[in-house]
Protein backbone atom coordinates (compact mmCIF):
# COMPACT_ATOMS: atom_id res chain seq x y z
CA UNK A 1 0.00 0.00 0.00
CA UNK A 2 1.36 3.43 -0.91
CA UNK A 3 0.36 6.86 0.22
CA UNK A 4 0.21 6.22 3.96
CA UNK A 5 2.11 9.14 5.48
CA UNK A 6 3.89 9.48 8.81
CA UNK A 7 1.07 11.11 10.78
CA UNK A 8 2.17 10.74 14.42
CA UNK A 9 3.08 14.32 15.31
CA UNK A 10 4.50 13.25 18.67
CA UNK A 11 7.14 10.92 17.18
CA UNK A 12 9.67 12.76 15.00
CA UNK A 13 10.92 10.09 12.57
CA UNK A 14 14.61 9.29 12.27
CA UNK A 15 16.35 8.93 8.91
CA UNK A 16 16.35 5.16 9.49
CA UNK A 17 12.56 5.15 10.10
CA UNK A 18 12.00 7.19 6.94
CA UNK A 19 14.18 4.84 4.89
CA UNK A 20 12.25 1.87 6.27
CA UNK A 21 8.82 3.28 5.39
CA UNK A 22 9.94 4.23 1.86
CA UNK A 23 10.65 0.61 1.00
CA UNK A 24 11.71 0.12 -2.61
CA UNK A 25 11.59 3.88 -3.28
CA UNK A 26 14.42 4.59 -0.84
CA UNK A 27 16.92 4.76 -3.73
CA UNK A 28 14.94 7.48 -5.51
CA UNK A 29 14.56 9.36 -2.21
CA UNK A 30 18.33 9.16 -1.68
CA UNK A 31 19.02 10.28 -5.27
CA UNK A 32 16.79 13.32 -4.88
CA UNK A 33 18.22 14.25 -1.46
CA UNK A 34 21.77 13.94 -2.86
CA UNK A 35 20.86 16.13 -5.84
CA UNK A 36 19.42 18.76 -3.50
CA UNK A 37 22.50 18.70 -1.25
CA UNK A 38 24.88 18.94 -4.22
CA UNK A 39 22.94 21.56 -6.20
CA UNK A 40 21.39 23.94 -3.67
CA UNK A 41 22.43 25.75 -0.50
CA UNK A 42 19.00 25.21 1.03
CA UNK A 43 18.85 23.56 4.45
CA UNK A 44 16.61 20.53 5.00
CA UNK A 45 14.20 21.13 7.89
CA UNK A 46 11.97 18.42 9.33
CA UNK A 47 8.49 19.67 10.17
CA UNK A 48 5.10 18.23 11.02
CA UNK A 49 2.46 19.52 8.60
CA UNK A 50 -0.55 18.29 10.56
CA UNK A 51 -2.59 15.11 10.48
CA UNK A 52 -3.46 15.50 6.78
CA UNK A 53 0.11 15.69 5.45
CA UNK A 54 2.28 14.34 8.27
CA UNK A 55 6.04 14.71 8.55
CA UNK A 56 7.91 16.50 5.79
CA UNK A 57 11.39 17.63 4.90
CA UNK A 58 11.37 21.18 3.59
CA UNK A 59 14.40 22.64 1.80
CA UNK A 60 14.55 26.32 2.75
CA UNK A 61 16.85 29.29 2.53
CA UNK A 62 16.17 32.79 3.84
CA UNK A 63 12.64 31.78 4.78
CA UNK A 64 11.76 30.61 1.26
CA UNK A 65 10.95 27.01 0.44
CA UNK A 66 12.47 25.37 -2.63
CA UNK A 67 10.76 21.99 -2.30
CA UNK A 68 8.98 19.81 0.28
CA UNK A 69 9.32 16.02 0.50
CA UNK A 70 6.67 13.84 2.18
CA UNK A 71 7.78 10.26 3.00
CA UNK A 72 5.04 7.64 2.65
CA UNK A 73 4.73 3.89 2.98
CA UNK A 74 6.32 2.49 -0.17
CA UNK A 75 6.69 5.89 -1.82
CA UNK A 76 7.08 9.63 -1.31
CA UNK A 77 5.53 12.82 -2.64
CA UNK A 78 7.39 15.94 -3.76
CA UNK A 79 5.65 19.31 -3.56
CA UNK A 80 7.03 21.98 -5.89
CA UNK A 81 5.21 25.31 -5.72
CA UNK A 82 5.85 27.33 -8.86
CA UNK A 83 5.07 31.05 -9.06
CA UNK A 84 3.65 32.53 -12.27
CA UNK A 85 7.09 33.30 -13.74
CA UNK A 86 8.36 29.87 -12.64
CA UNK A 87 5.47 28.19 -14.48
CA UNK A 88 6.42 29.97 -17.70
CA UNK A 89 10.05 28.83 -17.36
CA UNK A 90 8.95 25.28 -16.47
CA UNK A 91 6.69 25.10 -19.52
CA UNK A 92 9.73 25.81 -21.69
CA UNK A 93 11.34 22.60 -20.37
CA UNK A 94 8.28 20.38 -20.85
CA UNK A 95 10.01 18.35 -23.59
CA UNK A 96 12.77 17.41 -21.14
CA UNK A 97 10.40 16.10 -18.47
CA UNK A 98 9.32 12.50 -17.93
CA UNK A 99 5.74 11.80 -18.99
CA UNK A 100 4.57 11.49 -15.40
CA UNK A 101 6.05 14.84 -14.33
CA UNK A 102 5.00 16.53 -17.58
CA UNK A 103 1.41 15.39 -16.96
CA UNK A 104 1.50 16.81 -13.43
CA UNK A 105 2.77 20.17 -14.72
CA UNK A 106 0.27 20.38 -17.58
CA UNK A 107 -2.71 19.24 -15.49
CA UNK A 108 -1.98 21.21 -12.31
CA UNK A 109 -4.75 23.63 -11.50
CA UNK A 110 -3.64 27.18 -12.27
CA UNK A 111 -3.86 29.39 -9.20
CA UNK A 112 -3.68 33.13 -8.94
CA UNK A 113 -0.05 32.89 -7.86
CA UNK A 114 1.14 29.89 -9.93
CA UNK A 115 0.77 26.10 -9.57
CA UNK A 116 1.26 23.51 -6.87
CA UNK A 117 2.81 20.35 -8.30
CA UNK A 118 2.30 17.16 -6.26
CA UNK A 119 4.68 14.59 -7.77
CA UNK A 120 5.13 10.97 -6.71
CA UNK A 121 8.40 9.86 -8.39
CA UNK A 122 8.49 6.27 -9.63
CA UNK A 123 11.59 6.31 -11.87
CA UNK A 124 15.00 7.97 -12.01
CA UNK A 125 13.62 9.99 -14.93
CA UNK A 126 10.96 11.40 -12.61
CA UNK A 127 13.65 12.43 -10.12
CA UNK A 128 15.66 14.11 -12.91
CA UNK A 129 12.48 15.88 -14.00
CA UNK A 130 11.93 17.22 -10.48
CA UNK A 131 15.46 18.65 -10.71
CA UNK A 132 14.57 20.33 -14.01
CA UNK A 133 11.44 21.87 -12.47
CA UNK A 134 13.45 23.11 -9.50
CA UNK A 135 15.87 24.73 -11.95
CA UNK A 136 12.93 26.70 -13.37
CA UNK A 137 12.21 27.93 -9.85
CA UNK A 138 15.76 28.59 -8.65
CA UNK A 139 19.01 28.15 -10.57
CA UNK A 140 21.17 25.36 -9.11
CA UNK A 141 24.62 26.21 -7.79
CA UNK A 142 27.45 26.09 -10.28
CA UNK A 143 29.77 23.30 -9.20
CA UNK A 144 33.38 23.25 -10.31
């Protein structure tokens, strides 16, 4: 069963507990976390987002959130909030996105201030596509 989030607000999960609940998706989770650590100077912050969303890891810098990761049983969800200008830049990369991520971008409900993309990565291509979307929101660090 996938989609069951970590909803006990009294028990902050350890990295080991998160890895255990992710099951076979732990490799994708690790790939995305490594990409974020290597490409952005945003700090991961664990927070409890209430009984609807559960525990999350938010990557933030200067009070602004780049991305939020929600571990789930057998999976995880990535929340990327794109502002209006970010959506325009992301739409220019649509040909580089995996089908799953492209469908999320195209079908996300337009809001006054942009779009909220709820992505459940299943392949390495989906993880790469999340990286591309994040690049539309905030340019990754140049690594030498």
